[in-house]
Amino acid sequence: MRVSFDPAELDIELIHAFLSGSYWAAGIPREVVERSIAGSLCVGAYAPDEAGIDEQIGFARLITDRATFAWLADVFVLPAHRGQGVARAMIEALQSHPELQGLRRWMLVTRDMQPLYEKLGWKPLRHPERCMERHVEDIYRR
């Protein structure tokens, strides 16, 4: 398995298919996925298929100014490759990326992967009462 920051390697079809069926981006249009990737620092995880050709098995997207802040989003690993350290490798690659050193704050939202992120140095919000959101429910299903 290898990770890459090369946007030319990203399988947009695969990424859209996964995200459009996810709990957090259900029904997301392909055009929105394309715009989100274009405006982010993305990492893909790849493993050889039966023919020895690398295929994408994971994805993570970081929205960042590369100076002070980063928001981690759309992290996924295809089911057949889970439990093999793929997500960890992608997050570690992002956290060690040379353009992201010295960021003051990294954030994310996850329903169930807190144990993975805790192993990588993430913690629950110190002051959740200070955080706010503007969340448009089911925006992609309208």
C-alpha atoms as a PDB file:
ATOM      1  CA  MET A   1       0.000   0.000   0.000  1.00  0.00           C
ATOM      2  CA  ARG A   2       1.198   3.508  -0.774  1.00  0.00           C
ATOM      3  CA  VAL A   3      -0.155   7.029  -0.297  1.00  0.00           C
ATOM      4  CA  SER A   4       0.068   9.854  -2.797  1.00  0.00           C
ATOM      5  CA  PHE A   5      -0.770  13.547  -2.905  1.00  0.00           C
ATOM      6  CA  ASP A   6      -0.861  13.543  -6.725  1.00  0.00           C
ATOM      7  CA  PRO A   7      -4.335  14.789  -7.778  1.00  0.00           C
ATOM      8  CA  ALA A   8      -3.903  13.121 -11.186  1.00  0.00           C
ATOM      9  CA  GLU A   9      -4.036   9.726  -9.469  1.00  0.00           C
ATOM     10  CA  LEU A  10      -7.367  10.322  -7.740  1.00  0.00           C
ATOM     11  CA  ASP A  11     -10.214   8.142  -8.999  1.00  0.00           C
ATOM     12  CA  ILE A  12     -13.003  10.729  -8.995  1.00  0.00           C
ATOM     13  CA  GLU A  13     -15.584   8.121  -9.972  1.00  0.00           C
ATOM     14  CA  LEU A  14     -14.679   5.957  -6.959  1.00  0.00           C
ATOM     15  CA  ILE A  15     -14.548   8.932  -4.585  1.00  0.00           C
ATOM     16  CA  HIS A  16     -17.935  10.209  -5.757  1.00  0.00           C
ATOM     17  CA  ALA A  17     -19.488   6.742  -5.529  1.00  0.00           C
ATOM     18  CA  PHE A  18     -18.289   6.296  -1.962  1.00  0.00           C
ATOM     19  CA  LEU A  19     -19.161   9.771  -0.732  1.00  0.00           C
ATOM     20  CA  SER A  20     -22.609   9.805  -2.337  1.00  0.00           C
ATOM     21  CA  GLY A  21     -23.461   6.708  -0.279  1.00  0.00           C
ATOM     22  CA  SER A  22     -21.850   7.862   2.963  1.00  0.00           C
ATOM     23  CA  TYR A  23     -23.747   9.015   6.043  1.00  0.00           C
ATOM     24  CA  TRP A  24     -22.112  12.452   5.904  1.00  0.00           C
ATOM     25  CA  ALA A  25     -22.458  13.286   2.183  1.00  0.00           C
ATOM     26  CA  ALA A  26     -25.358  11.138   0.997  1.00  0.00           C
ATOM     27  CA  GLY A  27     -26.458  12.136  -2.479  1.00  0.00           C
ATOM     28  CA  ILE A  28     -23.603  14.597  -3.061  1.00  0.00           C
ATOM     29  CA  PRO A  29     -23.436  15.571  -6.745  1.00  0.00           C
ATOM     30  CA  ARG A  30     -20.282  14.674  -8.657  1.00  0.00           C
ATOM     31  CA  GLU A  31     -19.680  18.339  -9.548  1.00  0.00           C
ATOM     32  CA  VAL A  32     -19.595  19.219  -5.844  1.00  0.00           C
ATOM     33  CA  VAL A  33     -17.088  16.421  -5.184  1.00  0.00           C
ATOM     34  CA  GLU A  34     -14.913  17.701  -8.029  1.00  0.00           C
ATOM     35  CA  ARG A  35     -14.983  21.270  -6.659  1.00  0.00           C
ATOM     36  CA  SER A  36     -14.229  20.078  -3.129  1.00  0.00           C
ATOM     37  CA  ILE A  37     -11.195  18.140  -4.344  1.00  0.00           C
ATOM     38  CA  ALA A  38      -9.966  21.077  -6.441  1.00  0.00           C
ATOM     39  CA  GLY A  39     -10.029  23.343  -3.398  1.00  0.00           C
ATOM     40  CA  SER A  40      -8.351  20.936  -0.979  1.00  0.00           C
ATOM     41  CA  LEU A  41      -5.155  19.058  -0.287  1.00  0.00           C
ATOM     42  CA  CYS A  42      -6.070  15.430  -0.919  1.00  0.00           C
ATOM     43  CA  VAL A  43      -4.327  12.152  -0.254  1.00  0.00           C
ATOM     44  CA  GLY A  44      -5.163   8.821  -1.838  1.00  0.00           C
ATOM     45  CA  ALA A  45      -4.187   5.336  -0.724  1.00  0.00           C
ATOM     46  CA  TYR A  46      -3.410   2.745  -3.383  1.00  0.00           C
ATOM     47  CA  ALA A  47      -2.815  -1.000  -3.480  1.00  0.00           C
ATOM     48  CA  PRO A  48      -2.161  -3.347  -6.386  1.00  0.00           C
ATOM     49  CA  ASP A  49      -5.091  -5.328  -7.762  1.00  0.00           C
ATOM     50  CA  GLU A  50      -4.840  -8.958  -8.957  1.00  0.00           C
ATOM     51  CA  ALA A  51      -3.059  -7.794 -12.114  1.00  0.00           C
ATOM     52  CA  GLY A  52      -0.539  -5.757 -10.105  1.00  0.00           C
ATOM     53  CA  ILE A  53      -2.041  -2.408 -11.144  1.00  0.00           C
ATOM     54  CA  ASP A  54      -2.500   0.128  -8.350  1.00  0.00           C
ATOM     55  CA  GLU A  55      -6.110   0.927  -7.556  1.00  0.00           C
ATOM     56  CA  GLN A  56      -7.398   3.502  -5.115  1.00  0.00           C
ATOM     57  CA  ILE A  57      -8.501   2.033  -1.784  1.00  0.00           C
ATOM     58  CA  GLY A  58      -8.766   5.151   0.394  1.00  0.00           C
ATOM     59  CA  PHE A  59      -9.118   8.906   0.388  1.00  0.00           C
ATOM     60  CA  ALA A  60      -8.834  11.887   2.728  1.00  0.00           C
ATOM     61  CA  ARG A  61      -9.307  15.580   2.073  1.00  0.00           C
ATOM     62  CA  LEU A  62      -7.876  18.523   3.985  1.00  0.00           C
ATOM     63  CA  ILE A  63      -9.307  22.025   3.701  1.00  0.00           C
ATOM     64  CA  THR A  64      -6.532  24.351   4.811  1.00  0.00           C
ATOM     65  CA  ASP A  65      -4.873  27.726   4.442  1.00  0.00           C
ATOM     66  CA  ARG A  66      -1.525  25.936   4.957  1.00  0.00           C
ATOM     67  CA  ALA A  67      -0.654  28.556   7.586  1.00  0.00           C
ATOM     68  CA  THR A  68      -2.886  28.316  10.669  1.00  0.00           C
ATOM     69  CA  PHE A  69      -5.835  25.932  10.228  1.00  0.00           C
ATOM     70  CA  ALA A  70      -6.917  22.639   8.681  1.00  0.00           C
ATOM     71  CA  TRP A  71     -10.225  20.783   8.541  1.00  0.00           C
ATOM     72  CA  LEU A  72     -10.019  17.056   7.859  1.00  0.00           C
ATOM     73  CA  ALA A  73     -12.933  15.676   5.851  1.00  0.00           C
ATOM     74  CA  ASP A  74     -14.161  12.824   3.671  1.00  0.00           C
ATOM     75  CA  VAL A  75     -11.825  10.191   5.089  1.00  0.00           C
ATOM     76  CA  PHE A  76     -12.685   6.703   3.893  1.00  0.00           C
ATOM     77  CA  VAL A  77     -11.186   3.291   3.221  1.00  0.00           C
ATOM     78  CA  LEU A  78     -12.957   0.766   1.028  1.00  0.00           C
ATOM     79  CA  PRO A  79     -14.454  -2.051   3.149  1.00  0.00           C
ATOM     80  CA  ALA A  80     -12.137  -4.798   1.807  1.00  0.00           C
ATOM     81  CA  HIS A  81      -9.094  -2.817   3.000  1.00  0.00           C
ATOM     82  CA  ARG A  82     -10.221  -1.694   6.446  1.00  0.00           C
ATOM     83  CA  GLY A  83      -8.302  -2.741   9.532  1.00  0.00           C
ATOM     84  CA  GLN A  84      -4.976  -2.689   7.686  1.00  0.00           C
ATOM     85  CA  GLY A  85      -3.711   0.755   8.728  1.00  0.00           C
ATOM     86  CA  VAL A  86      -4.767   2.535   5.534  1.00  0.00           C
ATOM     87  CA  ALA A  87      -6.585   5.422   7.235  1.00  0.00           C
ATOM     88  CA  ARG A  88      -3.760   5.796   9.719  1.00  0.00           C
ATOM     89  CA  ALA A  89      -1.202   5.997   6.876  1.00  0.00           C
ATOM     90  CA  MET A  90      -3.213   8.710   5.093  1.00  0.00           C
ATOM     91  CA  ILE A  91      -3.661  10.797   8.261  1.00  0.00           C
ATOM     92  CA  GLU A  92       0.005  10.437   9.199  1.00  0.00           C
ATOM     93  CA  ALA A  93       0.998  11.514   5.674  1.00  0.00           C
ATOM     94  CA  LEU A  94      -1.179  14.617   5.985  1.00  0.00           C
ATOM     95  CA  GLN A  95       0.073  15.443   9.483  1.00  0.00           C
ATOM     96  CA  SER A  96       3.699  15.186   8.331  1.00  0.00           C
ATOM     97  CA  HIS A  97       3.207  17.054   5.037  1.00  0.00           C
ATOM     98  CA  PRO A  98       5.873  19.804   4.832  1.00  0.00           C
ATOM     99  CA  GLU A  99       3.343  22.525   3.931  1.00  0.00           C
ATOM    100  CA  LEU A 100       1.276  21.797   7.034  1.00  0.00           C
ATOM    101  CA  GLN A 101       3.896  22.077   9.747  1.00  0.00           C
ATOM    102  CA  GLY A 102       3.175  24.713  12.385  1.00  0.00           C
ATOM    103  CA  LEU A 103      -0.602  24.796  11.939  1.00  0.00           C
ATOM    104  CA  ARG A 104      -2.268  26.069  15.105  1.00  0.00           C
ATOM    105  CA  ARG A 105      -5.430  23.978  14.819  1.00  0.00           C
ATOM    106  CA  TRP A 106      -6.675  20.880  13.026  1.00  0.00           C
ATOM    107  CA  MET A 107     -10.332  19.882  13.306  1.00  0.00           C
ATOM    108  CA  LEU A 108     -12.664  17.138  12.150  1.00  0.00           C
ATOM    109  CA  VAL A 109     -16.080  15.656  12.794  1.00  0.00           C
ATOM    110  CA  THR A 110     -16.564  11.910  13.038  1.00  0.00           C
ATOM    111  CA  ARG A 111     -19.442   9.746  14.169  1.00  0.00           C
ATOM    112  CA  ASP A 112     -17.436   6.703  15.202  1.00  0.00           C
ATOM    113  CA  MET A 113     -13.692   6.894  14.519  1.00  0.00           C
ATOM    114  CA  GLN A 114     -12.563   8.746  17.646  1.00  0.00           C
ATOM    115  CA  PRO A 115     -10.276   5.844  18.736  1.00  0.00           C
ATOM    116  CA  LEU A 116      -8.271   6.060  15.493  1.00  0.00           C
ATOM    117  CA  TYR A 117      -7.797   9.820  15.734  1.00  0.00           C
ATOM    118  CA  GLU A 118      -6.918   9.685  19.437  1.00  0.00           C
ATOM    119  CA  LYS A 119      -3.991   7.368  18.573  1.00  0.00           C
ATOM    120  CA  LEU A 120      -2.771  10.077  16.194  1.00  0.00           C
ATOM    121  CA  GLY A 121      -2.817  12.871  18.767  1.00  0.00           C
ATOM    122  CA  TRP A 122      -6.348  14.223  18.304  1.00  0.00           C
ATOM    123  CA  LYS A 123      -8.447  15.103  21.359  1.00  0.00           C
ATOM    124  CA  PRO A 124     -12.069  16.082  22.009  1.00  0.00           C
ATOM    125  CA  LEU A 125     -12.722  19.812  21.907  1.00  0.00           C
ATOM    126  CA  ARG A 126     -11.352  21.505  25.001  1.00  0.00           C
ATOM    127  CA  HIS A 127     -14.157  24.086  24.915  1.00  0.00           C
ATOM    128  CA  PRO A 128     -17.059  22.675  22.888  1.00  0.00           C
ATOM    129  CA  GLU A 129     -19.296  25.455  24.177  1.00  0.00           C
ATOM    130  CA  ARG A 130     -17.265  27.898  22.069  1.00  0.00           C
ATOM    131  CA  CYS A 131     -17.883  26.043  18.807  1.00  0.00           C
ATOM    132  CA  MET A 132     -20.834  26.696  16.594  1.00  0.00           C
ATOM    133  CA  GLU A 133     -22.025  25.379  13.291  1.00  0.00           C
ATOM    134  CA  ARG A 134     -24.380  26.238  10.498  1.00  0.00           C
ATOM    135  CA  HIS A 135     -25.471  22.858   9.163  1.00  0.00           C
ATOM    136  CA  VAL A 136     -27.915  22.434   6.298  1.00  0.00           C
ATOM    137  CA  GLU A 137     -29.431  18.973   6.788  1.00  0.00           C
ATOM    138  CA  ASP A 138     -29.849  16.742   3.736  1.00  0.00           C
ATOM    139  CA  ILE A 139     -28.678  19.466   1.317  1.00  0.00           C
ATOM    140  CA  TYR A 140     -27.800  16.908  -1.358  1.00  0.00           C
ATOM    141  CA  ARG A 141     -31.125  15.071  -1.160  1.00  0.00           C
ATOM    142  CA  ARG A 142     -33.267  18.087  -2.025  1.00  0.00           C
END
